[in-house]
Amino acid sequence: MKPKDLADYAFLAVAWGLSFLVLLKAVAAFGWIGVVTFRCLIAGGSLWLAARLLRHRLDFSMGWRPLAVVGATTVAGQLITLSYATPRIGTAMAAIFVAAIPLFSMVIGQLWGIERMTLPRLLGLALGACGLMLLVGFPEAELTPEFLLGCASSVLSSFFAAFGSNYAARRLKTAGSWEITIGAFLSGGLMSLPLIVAVPVPGTPQPIDFLYLVILGAGMSALTYARYFRLVSAIGPTRTISVEFVVTTIAVLVGTLLLHEPLSTPQFAGALIVILGCLLVLGLIPGISLRPKTRA
């Protein structure tokens, strides 16, 4: 990767790794629907305003439909399910599930003809599935319906993220990262806005809660996703998605060391197995080729 790509990669890892901590605070104040709605609108609006102030020319000639698909999946779908899951299973567990995104990305890429299935990738997929079962089946805390719902929501969040990333790489390859981010977040925010009627804001937020929301929207969404979609175009969706491993590491450290969230020994083993499976899927283990063998 070029130095610019490495800088964006590192920025995404740190910002998203710490975002789980901020997300917990914001969800408690605005609810798991409200935080996503306001976060999305702040992200899209702040980036649009920055483009106007910097006189950055925006080109939305790709139309609203592909932006709405990314907004419904990578933005609204992923963030709503993640916001629902994180308070129920903890930041560490939620972050570990995020590391499974490459597994879903491989399956989607195979179905769409973007990726080709190989033995190492099949092995990685099988290992990832086993790791996820260890994460869900052997929690340190009591196995409750709420915990299982949180785990299912985390898995769905990973699927949404993988789907949207592959879709953006396929349908929005020539679109600018600013345009994709603005369009996806504004459309995602508008899609989730009516849901506040069913899941209203639980109380009166304090001034510090609005600060958390601005940090999530402007810093950990607008800036990060603009860099993320640029990386997808520059180095491809699979390599870009590998940043989730570093995100998971940072978030697990925050959850276990700062928030004192418990993880059982089988869950730690499951996390390592998931990461190993994803490394196989991404072809990041030296000496193992992902290219299918061809007959002479």
C-alpha atoms as a PDB file:
ATOM      1  CA  MET A   1       0.000   0.000   0.000  1.00  0.00           C
ATOM      2  CA  LYS A   2       1.043   3.579  -0.597  1.00  0.00           C
ATOM      3  CA  PRO A   3       1.817   5.827   2.417  1.00  0.00           C
ATOM      4  CA  LYS A   4      -1.530   7.591   1.963  1.00  0.00           C
ATOM      5  CA  ASP A   5      -3.345   4.253   2.012  1.00  0.00           C
ATOM      6  CA  LEU A   6      -1.479   3.150   5.138  1.00  0.00           C
ATOM      7  CA  ALA A   7      -2.346   6.417   6.884  1.00  0.00           C
ATOM      8  CA  ASP A   8      -6.039   5.999   6.066  1.00  0.00           C
ATOM      9  CA  TYR A   9      -5.890   2.348   7.152  1.00  0.00           C
ATOM     10  CA  ALA A  10      -4.406   3.282  10.534  1.00  0.00           C
ATOM     11  CA  PHE A  11      -6.905   6.107  11.016  1.00  0.00           C
ATOM     12  CA  LEU A  12      -9.825   3.753  10.383  1.00  0.00           C
ATOM     13  CA  ALA A  13      -8.462   1.164  12.818  1.00  0.00           C
ATOM     14  CA  VAL A  14      -8.058   3.613  15.705  1.00  0.00           C
ATOM     15  CA  ALA A  15     -11.249   5.611  15.108  1.00  0.00           C
ATOM     16  CA  TRP A  16     -13.508   2.578  14.684  1.00  0.00           C
ATOM     17  CA  GLY A  17     -11.815   0.685  17.504  1.00  0.00           C
ATOM     18  CA  LEU A  18     -12.603   3.505  19.949  1.00  0.00           C
ATOM     19  CA  SER A  19     -16.057   4.136  18.478  1.00  0.00           C
ATOM     20  CA  PHE A  20     -17.581   1.236  20.447  1.00  0.00           C
ATOM     21  CA  LEU A  21     -16.898   3.094  23.686  1.00  0.00           C
ATOM     22  CA  VAL A  22     -18.539   6.286  22.398  1.00  0.00           C
ATOM     23  CA  LEU A  23     -21.417   4.275  20.931  1.00  0.00           C
ATOM     24  CA  LEU A  24     -22.339   2.849  24.333  1.00  0.00           C
ATOM     25  CA  LYS A  25     -22.657   6.360  25.770  1.00  0.00           C
ATOM     26  CA  ALA A  26     -24.720   7.645  22.841  1.00  0.00           C
ATOM     27  CA  VAL A  27     -27.094   4.659  22.744  1.00  0.00           C
ATOM     28  CA  ALA A  28     -27.877   5.146  26.441  1.00  0.00           C
ATOM     29  CA  ALA A  29     -28.892   8.756  25.748  1.00  0.00           C
ATOM     30  CA  PHE A  30     -30.605   8.585  22.353  1.00  0.00           C
ATOM     31  CA  GLY A  31     -31.688   4.941  21.993  1.00  0.00           C
ATOM     32  CA  TRP A  32     -30.431   2.463  19.427  1.00  0.00           C
ATOM     33  CA  ILE A  33     -32.562   3.931  16.626  1.00  0.00           C
ATOM     34  CA  GLY A  34     -32.136   7.586  17.542  1.00  0.00           C
ATOM     35  CA  VAL A  35     -28.354   7.373  17.734  1.00  0.00           C
ATOM     36  CA  VAL A  36     -28.157   5.889  14.231  1.00  0.00           C
ATOM     37  CA  THR A  37     -30.596   8.396  12.728  1.00  0.00           C
ATOM     38  CA  PHE A  38     -28.912  11.464  14.196  1.00  0.00           C
ATOM     39  CA  ARG A  39     -25.434  10.052  13.594  1.00  0.00           C
ATOM     40  CA  CYS A  40     -26.191   9.490   9.915  1.00  0.00           C
ATOM     41  CA  LEU A  41     -27.722  12.923   9.362  1.00  0.00           C
ATOM     42  CA  ILE A  42     -24.837  14.627  11.168  1.00  0.00           C
ATOM     43  CA  ALA A  43     -22.294  12.617   9.156  1.00  0.00           C
ATOM     44  CA  GLY A  44     -23.859  13.312   5.767  1.00  0.00           C
ATOM     45  CA  GLY A  45     -24.639  16.950   6.574  1.00  0.00           C
ATOM     46  CA  SER A  46     -21.215  17.789   8.030  1.00  0.00           C
ATOM     47  CA  LEU A  47     -19.377  16.251   5.079  1.00  0.00           C
ATOM     48  CA  TRP A  48     -21.612  18.108   2.610  1.00  0.00           C
ATOM     49  CA  LEU A  49     -20.959  21.360   4.479  1.00  0.00           C
ATOM     50  CA  ALA A  50     -17.203  20.667   4.453  1.00  0.00           C
ATOM     51  CA  ALA A  51     -17.345  20.100   0.703  1.00  0.00           C
ATOM     52  CA  ARG A  52     -19.064  23.461   0.232  1.00  0.00           C
ATOM     53  CA  LEU A  53     -16.597  25.309   2.467  1.00  0.00           C
ATOM     54  CA  LEU A  54     -13.589  23.666   0.779  1.00  0.00           C
ATOM     55  CA  ARG A  55     -15.170  24.186  -2.665  1.00  0.00           C
ATOM     56  CA  HIS A  56     -14.858  20.488  -3.309  1.00  0.00           C
ATOM     57  CA  ARG A  57     -16.861  19.695  -6.427  1.00  0.00           C
ATOM     58  CA  LEU A  58     -19.432  16.942  -5.880  1.00  0.00           C
ATOM     59  CA  ASP A  59     -20.695  14.730  -8.694  1.00  0.00           C
ATOM     60  CA  PHE A  60     -23.871  12.748  -8.046  1.00  0.00           C
ATOM     61  CA  SER A  61     -24.366  11.680 -11.660  1.00  0.00           C
ATOM     62  CA  MET A  62     -24.439   8.022 -10.544  1.00  0.00           C
ATOM     63  CA  GLY A  63     -28.029   8.612  -9.350  1.00  0.00           C
ATOM     64  CA  TRP A  64     -29.689   8.003  -5.993  1.00  0.00           C
ATOM     65  CA  ARG A  65     -30.466   4.277  -6.301  1.00  0.00           C
ATOM     66  CA  PRO A  66     -26.973   2.824  -5.725  1.00  0.00           C
ATOM     67  CA  LEU A  67     -26.365   5.323  -2.927  1.00  0.00           C
ATOM     68  CA  ALA A  68     -29.647   4.265  -1.311  1.00  0.00           C
ATOM     69  CA  VAL A  69     -28.590   0.596  -1.436  1.00  0.00           C
ATOM     70  CA  VAL A  70     -25.311   1.379   0.325  1.00  0.00           C
ATOM     71  CA  GLY A  71     -27.194   3.610   2.756  1.00  0.00           C
ATOM     72  CA  ALA A  72     -29.662   0.836   3.570  1.00  0.00           C
ATOM     73  CA  THR A  73     -26.954  -1.814   4.115  1.00  0.00           C
ATOM     74  CA  THR A  74     -23.499  -0.531   5.070  1.00  0.00           C
ATOM     75  CA  VAL A  75     -24.945   2.488   6.907  1.00  0.00           C
ATOM     76  CA  ALA A  76     -28.473   2.042   8.306  1.00  0.00           C
ATOM     77  CA  GLY A  77     -28.538  -1.758   8.396  1.00  0.00           C
ATOM     78  CA  GLN A  78     -25.076  -2.202   9.873  1.00  0.00           C
ATOM     79  CA  LEU A  79     -25.291   0.645  12.405  1.00  0.00           C
ATOM     80  CA  ILE A  80     -28.804  -0.132  13.651  1.00  0.00           C
ATOM     81  CA  THR A  81     -28.015  -3.788  14.316  1.00  0.00           C
ATOM     82  CA  LEU A  82     -24.655  -2.879  15.863  1.00  0.00           C
ATOM     83  CA  SER A  83     -26.250  -0.244  18.111  1.00  0.00           C
ATOM     84  CA  TYR A  84     -28.833  -2.789  19.237  1.00  0.00           C
ATOM     85  CA  ALA A  85     -26.232  -5.483  19.927  1.00  0.00           C
ATOM     86  CA  THR A  86     -23.418  -3.596  21.667  1.00  0.00           C
ATOM     87  CA  PRO A  87     -25.201  -2.774  24.963  1.00  0.00           C
ATOM     88  CA  ARG A  88     -26.515  -6.354  25.145  1.00  0.00           C
ATOM     89  CA  ILE A  89     -23.315  -8.324  24.532  1.00  0.00           C
ATOM     90  CA  GLY A  90     -20.606  -5.742  25.306  1.00  0.00           C
ATOM     91  CA  THR A  91     -18.092  -3.872  23.181  1.00  0.00           C
ATOM     92  CA  ALA A  92     -15.553  -6.714  23.134  1.00  0.00           C
ATOM     93  CA  MET A  93     -18.026  -9.313  21.861  1.00  0.00           C
ATOM     94  CA  ALA A  94     -19.550  -6.904  19.332  1.00  0.00           C
ATOM     95  CA  ALA A  95     -16.093  -6.063  18.015  1.00  0.00           C
ATOM     96  CA  ILE A  96     -15.180  -9.739  17.636  1.00  0.00           C
ATOM     97  CA  PHE A  97     -18.278 -10.310  15.522  1.00  0.00           C
ATOM     98  CA  VAL A  98     -17.202  -7.348  13.372  1.00  0.00           C
ATOM     99  CA  ALA A  99     -14.047  -9.316  12.539  1.00  0.00           C
ATOM    100  CA  ALA A 100     -16.284 -11.855  10.756  1.00  0.00           C
ATOM    101  CA  ILE A 101     -17.147  -9.352   8.005  1.00  0.00           C
ATOM    102  CA  PRO A 102     -14.526 -10.806   5.594  1.00  0.00           C
ATOM    103  CA  LEU A 103     -16.212 -14.220   5.847  1.00  0.00           C
ATOM    104  CA  PHE A 104     -19.490 -12.786   4.597  1.00  0.00           C
ATOM    105  CA  SER A 105     -17.619 -10.722   2.012  1.00  0.00           C
ATOM    106  CA  MET A 106     -16.072 -13.867   0.551  1.00  0.00           C
ATOM    107  CA  VAL A 107     -19.437 -15.630   0.252  1.00  0.00           C
ATOM    108  CA  ILE A 108     -21.060 -12.601  -1.387  1.00  0.00           C
ATOM    109  CA  GLY A 109     -18.083 -12.156  -3.701  1.00  0.00           C
ATOM    110  CA  GLN A 110     -18.360 -15.822  -4.720  1.00  0.00           C
ATOM    111  CA  LEU A 111     -22.079 -15.530  -5.466  1.00  0.00           C
ATOM    112  CA  TRP A 112     -21.531 -12.366  -7.507  1.00  0.00           C
ATOM    113  CA  GLY A 113     -18.561 -13.788  -9.387  1.00  0.00           C
ATOM    114  CA  ILE A 114     -16.127 -11.297  -7.841  1.00  0.00           C
ATOM    115  CA  GLU A 115     -14.150 -13.890  -5.871  1.00  0.00           C
ATOM    116  CA  ARG A 116     -13.235 -17.498  -6.735  1.00  0.00           C
ATOM    117  CA  MET A 117     -13.624 -20.236  -4.147  1.00  0.00           C
ATOM    118  CA  THR A 118     -10.403 -22.064  -3.214  1.00  0.00           C
ATOM    119  CA  LEU A 119      -9.499 -24.682  -0.611  1.00  0.00           C
ATOM    120  CA  PRO A 120      -7.863 -22.169   1.797  1.00  0.00           C
ATOM    121  CA  ARG A 121     -10.942 -19.949   1.583  1.00  0.00           C
ATOM    122  CA  LEU A 122     -13.263 -22.891   2.235  1.00  0.00           C
ATOM    123  CA  LEU A 123     -11.135 -23.827   5.238  1.00  0.00           C
ATOM    124  CA  GLY A 124     -11.225 -20.219   6.437  1.00  0.00           C
ATOM    125  CA  LEU A 125     -14.992 -20.121   6.105  1.00  0.00           C
ATOM    126  CA  ALA A 126     -15.338 -23.342   8.119  1.00  0.00           C
ATOM    127  CA  LEU A 127     -12.992 -22.068  10.846  1.00  0.00           C
ATOM    128  CA  GLY A 128     -14.883 -18.796  11.032  1.00  0.00           C
ATOM    129  CA  ALA A 129     -18.184 -20.613  11.499  1.00  0.00           C
ATOM    130  CA  CYS A 130     -16.688 -22.734  14.295  1.00  0.00           C
ATOM    131  CA  GLY A 131     -15.283 -19.655  15.992  1.00  0.00           C
ATOM    132  CA  LEU A 132     -18.632 -17.904  15.923  1.00  0.00           C
ATOM    133  CA  MET A 133     -20.270 -20.931  17.548  1.00  0.00           C
ATOM    134  CA  LEU A 134     -17.713 -20.803  20.362  1.00  0.00           C
ATOM    135  CA  LEU A 135     -18.403 -17.102  20.858  1.00  0.00           C
ATOM    136  CA  VAL A 136     -22.149 -17.595  21.151  1.00  0.00           C
ATOM    137  CA  GLY A 137     -22.243 -20.963  22.912  1.00  0.00           C
ATOM    138  CA  PHE A 138     -19.780 -20.403  25.757  1.00  0.00           C
ATOM    139  CA  PRO A 139     -20.303 -16.911  27.203  1.00  0.00           C
ATOM    140  CA  GLU A 140     -18.871 -15.876  30.557  1.00  0.00           C
ATOM    141  CA  ALA A 141     -22.243 -14.347  31.465  1.00  0.00           C
ATOM    142  CA  GLU A 142     -25.588 -16.163  31.582  1.00  0.00           C
ATOM    143  CA  LEU A 143     -26.907 -17.340  28.223  1.00  0.00           C
ATOM    144  CA  THR A 144     -30.141 -15.334  27.973  1.00  0.00           C
ATOM    145  CA  PRO A 145     -32.541 -14.644  25.068  1.00  0.00           C
ATOM    146  CA  GLU A 146     -31.359 -11.023  25.094  1.00  0.00           C
ATOM    147  CA  PHE A 147     -27.741 -12.160  24.712  1.00  0.00           C
ATOM    148  CA  LEU A 148     -28.673 -14.441  21.805  1.00  0.00           C
ATOM    149  CA  LEU A 149     -30.604 -11.613  20.125  1.00  0.00           C
ATOM    150  CA  GLY A 150     -27.566  -9.398  20.513  1.00  0.00           C
ATOM    151  CA  CYS A 151     -25.342 -12.041  18.906  1.00  0.00           C
ATOM    152  CA  ALA A 152     -27.784 -12.537  16.024  1.00  0.00           C
ATOM    153  CA  SER A 153     -27.931  -8.770  15.538  1.00  0.00           C
ATOM    154  CA  SER A 154     -24.110  -8.625  15.425  1.00  0.00           C
ATOM    155  CA  VAL A 155     -23.990 -11.337  12.764  1.00  0.00           C
ATOM    156  CA  LEU A 156     -26.584  -9.451  10.717  1.00  0.00           C
ATOM    157  CA  SER A 157     -24.529  -6.272  11.127  1.00  0.00           C
ATOM    158  CA  SER A 158     -21.477  -8.012   9.655  1.00  0.00           C
ATOM    159  CA  PHE A 159     -23.544  -9.262   6.717  1.00  0.00           C
ATOM    160  CA  PHE A 160     -24.876  -5.761   5.981  1.00  0.00           C
ATOM    161  CA  ALA A 161     -21.347  -4.331   6.065  1.00  0.00           C
ATOM    162  CA  ALA A 162     -19.998  -6.987   3.697  1.00  0.00           C
ATOM    163  CA  PHE A 163     -22.921  -6.653   1.284  1.00  0.00           C
ATOM    164  CA  GLY A 164     -22.653  -2.869   1.074  1.00  0.00           C
ATOM    165  CA  SER A 165     -18.882  -2.901   0.601  1.00  0.00           C
ATOM    166  CA  ASN A 166     -19.068  -5.399  -2.264  1.00  0.00           C
ATOM    167  CA  TYR A 167     -21.960  -3.516  -3.815  1.00  0.00           C
ATOM    168  CA  ALA A 168     -20.063  -0.210  -3.637  1.00  0.00           C
ATOM    169  CA  ALA A 169     -16.978  -1.805  -5.197  1.00  0.00           C
ATOM    170  CA  ARG A 170     -19.133  -3.225  -7.983  1.00  0.00           C
ATOM    171  CA  ARG A 171     -21.586  -0.400  -8.734  1.00  0.00           C
ATOM    172  CA  LEU A 172     -19.828   2.737  -7.464  1.00  0.00           C
ATOM    173  CA  LYS A 173     -16.236   2.083  -8.484  1.00  0.00           C
ATOM    174  CA  THR A 174     -15.941   5.361 -10.395  1.00  0.00           C
ATOM    175  CA  ALA A 175     -17.830   7.458  -7.833  1.00  0.00           C
ATOM    176  CA  GLY A 176     -15.975   9.718  -5.423  1.00  0.00           C
ATOM    177  CA  SER A 177     -15.653   8.722  -1.760  1.00  0.00           C
ATOM    178  CA  TRP A 178     -17.196  12.027  -0.638  1.00  0.00           C
ATOM    179  CA  GLU A 179     -20.253  11.492  -2.818  1.00  0.00           C
ATOM    180  CA  ILE A 180     -20.709   7.896  -1.657  1.00  0.00           C
ATOM    181  CA  THR A 181     -20.385   8.862   2.011  1.00  0.00           C
ATOM    182  CA  ILE A 182     -22.718  11.864   1.805  1.00  0.00           C
ATOM    183  CA  GLY A 183     -25.349  10.019  -0.223  1.00  0.00           C
ATOM    184  CA  ALA A 184     -25.192   6.817   1.820  1.00  0.00           C
ATOM    185  CA  PHE A 185     -25.410   8.532   5.215  1.00  0.00           C
ATOM    186  CA  LEU A 186     -28.154  10.967   4.281  1.00  0.00           C
ATOM    187  CA  SER A 187     -30.243   8.193   2.715  1.00  0.00           C
ATOM    188  CA  GLY A 188     -29.518   5.865   5.659  1.00  0.00           C
ATOM    189  CA  GLY A 189     -30.541   8.572   8.134  1.00  0.00           C
ATOM    190  CA  LEU A 190     -33.784   9.277   6.302  1.00  0.00           C
ATOM    191  CA  MET A 191     -34.589   5.552   6.148  1.00  0.00           C
ATOM    192  CA  SER A 192     -34.140   5.100   9.899  1.00  0.00           C
ATOM    193  CA  LEU A 193     -35.898   8.351  10.873  1.00  0.00           C
ATOM    194  CA  PRO A 194     -39.473   6.911  10.864  1.00  0.00           C
ATOM    195  CA  LEU A 195     -38.346   4.108  13.198  1.00  0.00           C
ATOM    196  CA  ILE A 196     -37.945   6.607  16.046  1.00  0.00           C
ATOM    197  CA  VAL A 197     -41.740   6.419  16.429  1.00  0.00           C
ATOM    198  CA  ALA A 198     -41.373   2.758  17.437  1.00  0.00           C
ATOM    199  CA  VAL A 199     -38.146   3.228  19.441  1.00  0.00           C
ATOM    200  CA  PRO A 200     -38.229   6.799  20.806  1.00  0.00           C
ATOM    201  CA  VAL A 201     -35.411   8.645  22.551  1.00  0.00           C
ATOM    202  CA  PRO A 202     -35.528   7.283  26.137  1.00  0.00           C
ATOM    203  CA  GLY A 203     -35.119  10.601  27.972  1.00  0.00           C
ATOM    204  CA  THR A 204     -33.614  14.075  27.885  1.00  0.00           C
ATOM    205  CA  PRO A 205     -29.993  13.914  26.676  1.00  0.00           C
ATOM    206  CA  GLN A 206     -27.360  15.934  28.512  1.00  0.00           C
ATOM    207  CA  PRO A 207     -24.898  18.327  26.770  1.00  0.00           C
ATOM    208  CA  ILE A 208     -22.139  15.693  26.957  1.00  0.00           C
ATOM    209  CA  ASP A 209     -24.431  13.269  25.121  1.00  0.00           C
ATOM    210  CA  PHE A 210     -24.681  15.650  22.170  1.00  0.00           C
ATOM    211  CA  LEU A 211     -20.887  15.821  22.139  1.00  0.00           C
ATOM    212  CA  TYR A 212     -20.749  12.013  21.912  1.00  0.00           C
ATOM    213  CA  LEU A 213     -23.208  12.180  19.022  1.00  0.00           C
ATOM    214  CA  VAL A 214     -21.153  14.780  17.144  1.00  0.00           C
ATOM    215  CA  ILE A 215     -17.987  12.724  17.655  1.00  0.00           C
ATOM    216  CA  LEU A 216     -19.777   9.652  16.266  1.00  0.00           C
ATOM    217  CA  GLY A 217     -21.332  11.502  13.343  1.00  0.00           C
ATOM    218  CA  ALA A 218     -18.666  13.937  12.200  1.00  0.00           C
ATOM    219  CA  GLY A 219     -15.505  12.179  13.373  1.00  0.00           C
ATOM    220  CA  MET A 220     -16.177   8.454  13.466  1.00  0.00           C
ATOM    221  CA  SER A 221     -18.577   8.354  10.513  1.00  0.00           C
ATOM    222  CA  ALA A 222     -18.095  11.222   8.034  1.00  0.00           C
ATOM    223  CA  LEU A 223     -14.290  11.226   8.090  1.00  0.00           C
ATOM    224  CA  THR A 224     -13.858   7.482   8.477  1.00  0.00           C
ATOM    225  CA  TYR A 225     -16.300   6.352   5.792  1.00  0.00           C
ATOM    226  CA  ALA A 226     -14.946   8.889   3.302  1.00  0.00           C
ATOM    227  CA  ARG A 227     -11.515   7.313   3.879  1.00  0.00           C
ATOM    228  CA  TYR A 228     -13.024   3.816   3.843  1.00  0.00           C
ATOM    229  CA  PHE A 229     -14.735   4.156   0.465  1.00  0.00           C
ATOM    230  CA  ARG A 230     -11.577   5.754  -0.952  1.00  0.00           C
ATOM    231  CA  LEU A 231      -9.609   2.709   0.194  1.00  0.00           C
ATOM    232  CA  VAL A 232     -12.188   0.348  -1.331  1.00  0.00           C
ATOM    233  CA  SER A 233     -11.547   1.999  -4.699  1.00  0.00           C
ATOM    234  CA  ALA A 234      -7.768   2.197  -4.187  1.00  0.00           C
ATOM    235  CA  ILE A 235      -6.871  -1.237  -2.774  1.00  0.00           C
ATOM    236  CA  GLY A 236     -10.102  -3.237  -3.175  1.00  0.00           C
ATOM    237  CA  PRO A 237     -12.871  -4.261  -0.758  1.00  0.00           C
ATOM    238  CA  THR A 238     -11.178  -7.396   0.598  1.00  0.00           C
ATOM    239  CA  ARG A 239      -7.928  -5.709   1.625  1.00  0.00           C
ATOM    240  CA  THR A 240      -9.843  -2.733   2.999  1.00  0.00           C
ATOM    241  CA  ILE A 241     -12.129  -4.969   5.074  1.00  0.00           C
ATOM    242  CA  SER A 242      -9.046  -6.520   6.713  1.00  0.00           C
ATOM    243  CA  VAL A 243      -8.836  -3.343   8.818  1.00  0.00           C
ATOM    244  CA  GLU A 244     -11.568  -4.911  10.962  1.00  0.00           C
ATOM    245  CA  PHE A 245      -8.931  -7.173  12.553  1.00  0.00           C
ATOM    246  CA  VAL A 246      -7.120  -4.150  13.995  1.00  0.00           C
ATOM    247  CA  VAL A 247     -10.474  -2.574  14.916  1.00  0.00           C
ATOM    248  CA  THR A 248     -11.400  -5.731  16.811  1.00  0.00           C
ATOM    249  CA  THR A 249      -8.090  -5.799  18.674  1.00  0.00           C
ATOM    250  CA  ILE A 250      -8.447  -2.198  19.844  1.00  0.00           C
ATOM    251  CA  ALA A 251     -12.111  -2.585  20.794  1.00  0.00           C
ATOM    252  CA  VAL A 252     -11.503  -5.824  22.726  1.00  0.00           C
ATOM    253  CA  LEU A 253      -8.702  -4.150  24.682  1.00  0.00           C
ATOM    254  CA  VAL A 254     -11.011  -1.221  25.482  1.00  0.00           C
ATOM    255  CA  GLY A 255     -13.818  -3.560  26.544  1.00  0.00           C
ATOM    256  CA  THR A 256     -11.762  -5.869  28.722  1.00  0.00           C
ATOM    257  CA  LEU A 257      -9.281  -3.383  30.233  1.00  0.00           C
ATOM    258  CA  LEU A 258     -11.355  -0.204  30.606  1.00  0.00           C
ATOM    259  CA  LEU A 259     -14.936  -1.518  30.848  1.00  0.00           C
ATOM    260  CA  HIS A 260     -14.016  -4.808  32.592  1.00  0.00           C
ATOM    261  CA  GLU A 261     -16.227  -6.862  30.262  1.00  0.00           C
ATOM    262  CA  PRO A 262     -15.852 -10.628  30.859  1.00  0.00           C
ATOM    263  CA  LEU A 263     -14.836 -13.030  28.097  1.00  0.00           C
ATOM    264  CA  SER A 264     -14.605 -16.762  28.749  1.00  0.00           C
ATOM    265  CA  THR A 265     -11.654 -18.901  27.674  1.00  0.00           C
ATOM    266  CA  PRO A 266     -13.699 -20.617  24.897  1.00  0.00           C
ATOM    267  CA  GLN A 267     -14.717 -17.162  23.651  1.00  0.00           C
ATOM    268  CA  PHE A 268     -11.088 -16.056  23.461  1.00  0.00           C
ATOM    269  CA  ALA A 269     -10.374 -19.253  21.523  1.00  0.00           C
ATOM    270  CA  GLY A 270     -13.362 -18.542  19.275  1.00  0.00           C
ATOM    271  CA  ALA A 271     -12.072 -15.029  18.591  1.00  0.00           C
ATOM    272  CA  LEU A 272      -8.662 -16.379  17.568  1.00  0.00           C
ATOM    273  CA  ILE A 273     -10.296 -18.998  15.328  1.00  0.00           C
ATOM    274  CA  VAL A 274     -12.471 -16.358  13.642  1.00  0.00           C
ATOM    275  CA  ILE A 275      -9.426 -14.195  12.969  1.00  0.00           C
ATOM    276  CA  LEU A 276      -7.463 -17.191  11.635  1.00  0.00           C
ATOM    277  CA  GLY A 277     -10.354 -18.057   9.330  1.00  0.00           C
ATOM    278  CA  CYS A 278     -10.515 -14.489   8.050  1.00  0.00           C
ATOM    279  CA  LEU A 279      -6.750 -14.438   7.456  1.00  0.00           C
ATOM    280  CA  LEU A 280      -7.166 -17.524   5.271  1.00  0.00           C
ATOM    281  CA  VAL A 281     -10.080 -15.929   3.423  1.00  0.00           C
ATOM    282  CA  LEU A 282      -8.094 -12.750   2.796  1.00  0.00           C
ATOM    283  CA  GLY A 283      -4.924 -14.599   1.821  1.00  0.00           C
ATOM    284  CA  LEU A 284      -2.847 -12.871   4.500  1.00  0.00           C
ATOM    285  CA  ILE A 285      -0.999 -16.008   5.667  1.00  0.00           C
ATOM    286  CA  PRO A 286       2.419 -16.262   3.955  1.00  0.00           C
ATOM    287  CA  GLY A 287       2.966 -19.306   1.791  1.00  0.00           C
ATOM    288  CA  ILE A 288      -0.737 -19.996   1.161  1.00  0.00           C
ATOM    289  CA  SER A 289      -2.001 -19.007  -2.261  1.00  0.00           C
ATOM    290  CA  LEU A 290      -5.637 -18.220  -2.958  1.00  0.00           C
ATOM    291  CA  ARG A 291      -5.341 -18.660  -6.693  1.00  0.00           C
ATOM    292  CA  PRO A 292      -7.082 -21.791  -8.007  1.00  0.00           C
ATOM    293  CA  LYS A 293      -4.656 -24.296  -9.497  1.00  0.00           C
ATOM    294  CA  THR A 294      -4.834 -24.611 -13.258  1.00  0.00           C
ATOM    295  CA  ARG A 295      -4.071 -27.741 -15.240  1.00  0.00           C
ATOM    296  CA  ALA A 296      -1.074 -27.696 -17.508  1.00  0.00           C
END
